[in-house]
């Protein structure tokens, strides 16, 4: 994801959003835009997305990768036929999970800016743990490059 705060304010349509979510991969950008377009303009849940392959000339692999990333981000969601809220329907629809997650992230970032008594030492300890993890990963990579195993 290419999340630059100045660029976010310039996003004016879903194609620019897709370029932000899939930087450098035009095929996945196109597939994600097609998925978004189909789900937005369908009045019901879309049972499967396979028809997008032939309708928009997108490979199955690219379509599945774009769908998986959109789902992981919370822009789309799969509805199970067991979900009673949708009366036995199943398939894909646009989701509001991404919006909620961004709001939550913004609130957490605002909370992290506040200096609380007693948290300075805890945060230094957390930074030390991050450094130890970073050093361990670096040591593993060096050992792998040398062909050593533990």
Protein backbone atom coordinates (compact mmCIF):
# COMPACT_ATOMS: atom_id res chain seq x y z
CA UNK A 1 0.00 0.00 0.00
CA UNK A 2 1.29 3.45 -0.93
CA UNK A 3 -0.09 5.58 1.92
CA UNK A 4 1.25 9.11 1.65
CA UNK A 5 -0.74 11.63 3.69
CA UNK A 6 -0.52 14.33 1.01
CA UNK A 7 -1.65 11.94 -1.71
CA UNK A 8 -4.68 10.74 0.28
CA UNK A 9 -6.29 14.18 0.14
CA UNK A 10 -5.98 14.10 -3.66
CA UNK A 11 -7.86 10.80 -4.11
CA UNK A 12 -10.99 11.77 -6.01
CA UNK A 13 -12.32 8.47 -7.40
CA UNK A 14 -12.07 4.73 -6.88
CA UNK A 15 -9.38 4.33 -9.57
CA UNK A 16 -7.01 6.54 -7.57
CA UNK A 17 -7.89 4.60 -4.42
CA UNK A 18 -7.04 1.35 -6.22
CA UNK A 19 -3.70 2.81 -7.39
CA UNK A 20 -2.92 3.60 -3.74
CA UNK A 21 -3.85 0.09 -2.58
CA UNK A 22 -2.01 -1.74 -5.40
CA UNK A 23 1.05 0.40 -6.18
CA UNK A 24 3.08 -0.65 -9.20
CA UNK A 25 0.82 -3.52 -10.31
CA UNK A 26 -1.41 -2.34 -13.13
CA UNK A 27 -3.01 -5.77 -13.63
CA UNK A 28 -4.14 -5.99 -10.01
CA UNK A 29 -5.25 -2.36 -10.09
CA UNK A 30 -7.46 -3.13 -13.08
CA UNK A 31 -8.85 -6.32 -11.51
CA UNK A 32 -9.59 -4.53 -8.22
CA UNK A 33 -11.30 -1.68 -10.09
CA UNK A 34 -13.45 -4.22 -11.97
CA UNK A 35 -14.41 -5.99 -8.73
CA UNK A 36 -15.24 -2.69 -7.05
CA UNK A 37 -17.28 -1.55 -10.07
CA UNK A 38 -19.28 -4.78 -10.25
CA UNK A 39 -20.04 -4.85 -6.54
CA UNK A 40 -20.95 -1.18 -6.41
CA UNK A 41 -23.47 -1.29 -9.24
CA UNK A 42 -25.08 -4.63 -8.40
CA UNK A 43 -28.25 -4.36 -6.35
CA UNK A 44 -27.66 -7.64 -4.55
CA UNK A 45 -24.89 -9.88 -3.33
CA UNK A 46 -22.71 -11.25 -6.15
CA UNK A 47 -22.55 -15.06 -5.74
CA UNK A 48 -19.18 -15.42 -7.44
CA UNK A 49 -16.68 -13.18 -9.17
CA UNK A 50 -15.58 -15.66 -11.85
CA UNK A 51 -17.60 -13.94 -14.59
CA UNK A 52 -15.32 -10.90 -14.23
CA UNK A 53 -12.51 -12.94 -15.83
CA UNK A 54 -14.22 -13.11 -19.19
CA UNK A 55 -16.20 -9.87 -18.96
CA UNK A 56 -13.10 -7.73 -18.34
CA UNK A 57 -10.38 -10.04 -19.74
CA UNK A 58 -8.62 -10.58 -16.40
CA UNK A 59 -6.69 -13.74 -15.55
CA UNK A 60 -8.01 -15.92 -12.74
CA UNK A 61 -4.79 -15.58 -10.73
CA UNK A 62 -4.77 -11.76 -10.90
CA UNK A 63 -8.48 -11.62 -10.07
CA UNK A 64 -8.04 -13.90 -7.06
CA UNK A 65 -5.04 -11.95 -5.77
CA UNK A 66 -6.90 -8.64 -6.08
CA UNK A 67 -10.01 -10.13 -4.43
CA UNK A 68 -7.94 -11.54 -1.57
CA UNK A 69 -6.24 -8.21 -0.90
CA UNK A 70 -9.52 -6.26 -1.07
CA UNK A 71 -11.02 -8.76 1.37
CA UNK A 72 -8.01 -8.61 3.73
CA UNK A 73 -8.20 -4.82 3.75
CA UNK A 74 -11.93 -4.94 4.52
CA UNK A 75 -13.16 -3.23 1.35
CA UNK A 76 -15.16 -6.29 0.31
CA UNK A 77 -16.53 -9.20 2.32
CA UNK A 78 -17.84 -12.67 1.66
CA UNK A 79 -21.32 -13.45 2.97
CA UNK A 80 -21.98 -17.06 3.95
CA UNK A 81 -25.29 -18.73 3.14
CA UNK A 82 -25.53 -19.42 6.88
CA UNK A 83 -25.75 -15.69 7.64
CA UNK A 84 -29.41 -15.21 8.58
CA UNK A 85 -29.20 -11.45 8.01
CA UNK A 86 -29.08 -12.06 4.26
CA UNK A 87 -31.77 -14.74 4.06
CA UNK A 88 -29.65 -17.59 2.76
CA UNK A 89 -27.91 -15.55 0.07
CA UNK A 90 -24.18 -15.95 -0.27
CA UNK A 91 -21.46 -14.17 -2.18
CA UNK A 92 -19.52 -10.92 -2.21
CA UNK A 93 -20.46 -7.35 -1.33
CA UNK A 94 -18.78 -4.04 -0.54
CA UNK A 95 -17.91 -3.69 3.13
CA UNK A 96 -17.49 -0.84 5.61
CA UNK A 97 -14.80 -2.67 7.63
CA UNK A 98 -11.97 -0.70 6.00
CA UNK A 99 -13.56 2.60 6.99
CA UNK A 100 -14.03 1.45 10.57
CA UNK A 101 -10.46 0.17 10.77
CA UNK A 102 -9.09 3.49 9.50
CA UNK A 103 -11.14 5.39 12.09
CA UNK A 104 -9.84 3.08 14.82
CA UNK A 105 -6.25 3.52 13.58
CA UNK A 106 -6.66 7.31 13.60
CA UNK A 107 -7.96 7.20 17.17
CA UNK A 108 -5.07 4.98 18.27
CA UNK A 109 -2.53 7.30 16.62
CA UNK A 110 -4.09 10.25 18.44
CA UNK A 111 -3.85 8.30 21.70
CA UNK A 112 -0.19 7.43 21.09
CA UNK A 113 0.69 11.13 20.88
CA UNK A 114 -0.46 11.72 24.46
CA UNK A 115 2.36 11.46 27.00
CA UNK A 116 1.09 9.52 30.02
CA UNK A 117 2.89 9.17 33.32
CA UNK A 118 4.39 5.71 33.65
CA UNK A 119 4.26 4.83 29.98
CA UNK A 120 7.71 6.19 29.07
CA UNK A 121 9.54 3.23 30.63
CA UNK A 122 7.10 0.75 29.08
CA UNK A 123 7.57 2.29 25.63
CA UNK A 124 11.37 2.16 26.02
CA UNK A 125 11.06 -1.53 26.91
CA UNK A 126 8.89 -2.13 23.84
CA UNK A 127 11.45 -0.36 21.64
CA UNK A 128 14.15 -2.58 23.15
CA UNK A 129 12.11 -5.68 22.32
CA UNK A 130 11.72 -4.47 18.74
CA UNK A 131 15.49 -4.00 18.51
CA UNK A 132 16.10 -7.52 19.87
CA UNK A 133 13.67 -8.98 17.32
CA UNK A 134 15.33 -6.99 14.53
CA UNK A 135 18.78 -8.24 15.60
CA UNK A 136 17.56 -11.85 15.77
CA UNK A 137 16.13 -11.66 12.26
CA UNK A 138 19.34 -10.11 10.95
CA UNK A 139 21.40 -12.89 12.61
CA UNK A 140 19.13 -15.56 11.06
CA UNK A 141 19.56 -14.02 7.61
CA UNK A 142 23.34 -13.94 7.95
CA UNK A 143 23.37 -17.57 9.14
CA UNK A 144 21.16 -18.63 6.20
CA UNK A 145 23.45 -16.85 3.78
CA UNK A 146 26.41 -18.75 5.21
CA UNK A 147 24.48 -22.03 5.04
CA UNK A 148 24.40 -22.58 8.81
CA UNK A 149 21.35 -23.97 10.60
CA UNK A 150 20.42 -24.00 14.27
